[in-house]
Amino acid sequence: MIEKILPAAVVAVEAFDDPPEAVLLPAEEAVVAKAVDKRRREFTTVRHCARQALARLGRPPAAIIPGERGAPQWPDGVIGSMTHCAGYRAAVLAEATAITTVGIDAEPHVPLPEGVLDAVSLPDERAHLAVLAVEHPDVHWDKLLFAAKESVYKSWFPLARKWLGFSEARIRFSPDGTFTAELLVPGPHVDGTEITGFDGRWLTANGLAVAAIALH
């Protein structure tokens, strides 16, 4: 599913359940040794997906350990992103020579809890979503906004190595399945050029709202 909104250079592996063959490597096991069952299953399956993606890149299995601010630490030369929610886990990976950064997020396609939208959006974003909701009422635009902002952060952090708040990027959706993210703070520099925003794609399917960014 998620591969539909990612370029061909990105390898995507997803799961809609927790397969019994999904296991942790010792270094990963130490991270979740005291975690509750739900956390263990999410952590395990998404890493199972990541190792399948590594294999498709011709890379050996590797432990994927959370690093600074929980960001996954990928093998040298690999960039990637992971997401998990109820009934879904996904990992997307690419060679760093082909893709600069990637960020994905999947959420259940239901409205945000009351009060959350105000906490994660700008006033003009809420006005934008209100228009979209009238024109396309089949989409829970508030949840899609949350997913898009998460994908922005996951794309930003490996480049900037610092926090990006919900109010520091402005999202604009198009009903054609694309979105833009304008950074409202100075962006990181890549090859001497400042990144001022990201272009992404979105979809709703199988009860999920999914957003993805892949910067070449």
Foldseek 3Di string as FASTA:
>chain_A
DVVVFPDPQKDKFKFQAQDPVQDADPVQCVVCVPPDPVVVSQSRRLLVQVQVRCVVVVHHRDHFAQDVVGQTDDPPQKEKEWEDDNRMTMIMMGGCVVFVYKFKYKDQQDADPPPVLVQQADPVLVVLVVVVCVVPVVGNVSVLLVGQLRGFQRRQCVQPVDDDGSYQWHWHDDPVFKIKIAGNDWGGDDPRRTDGIFIKGWDDDPRMTMIMTIHD
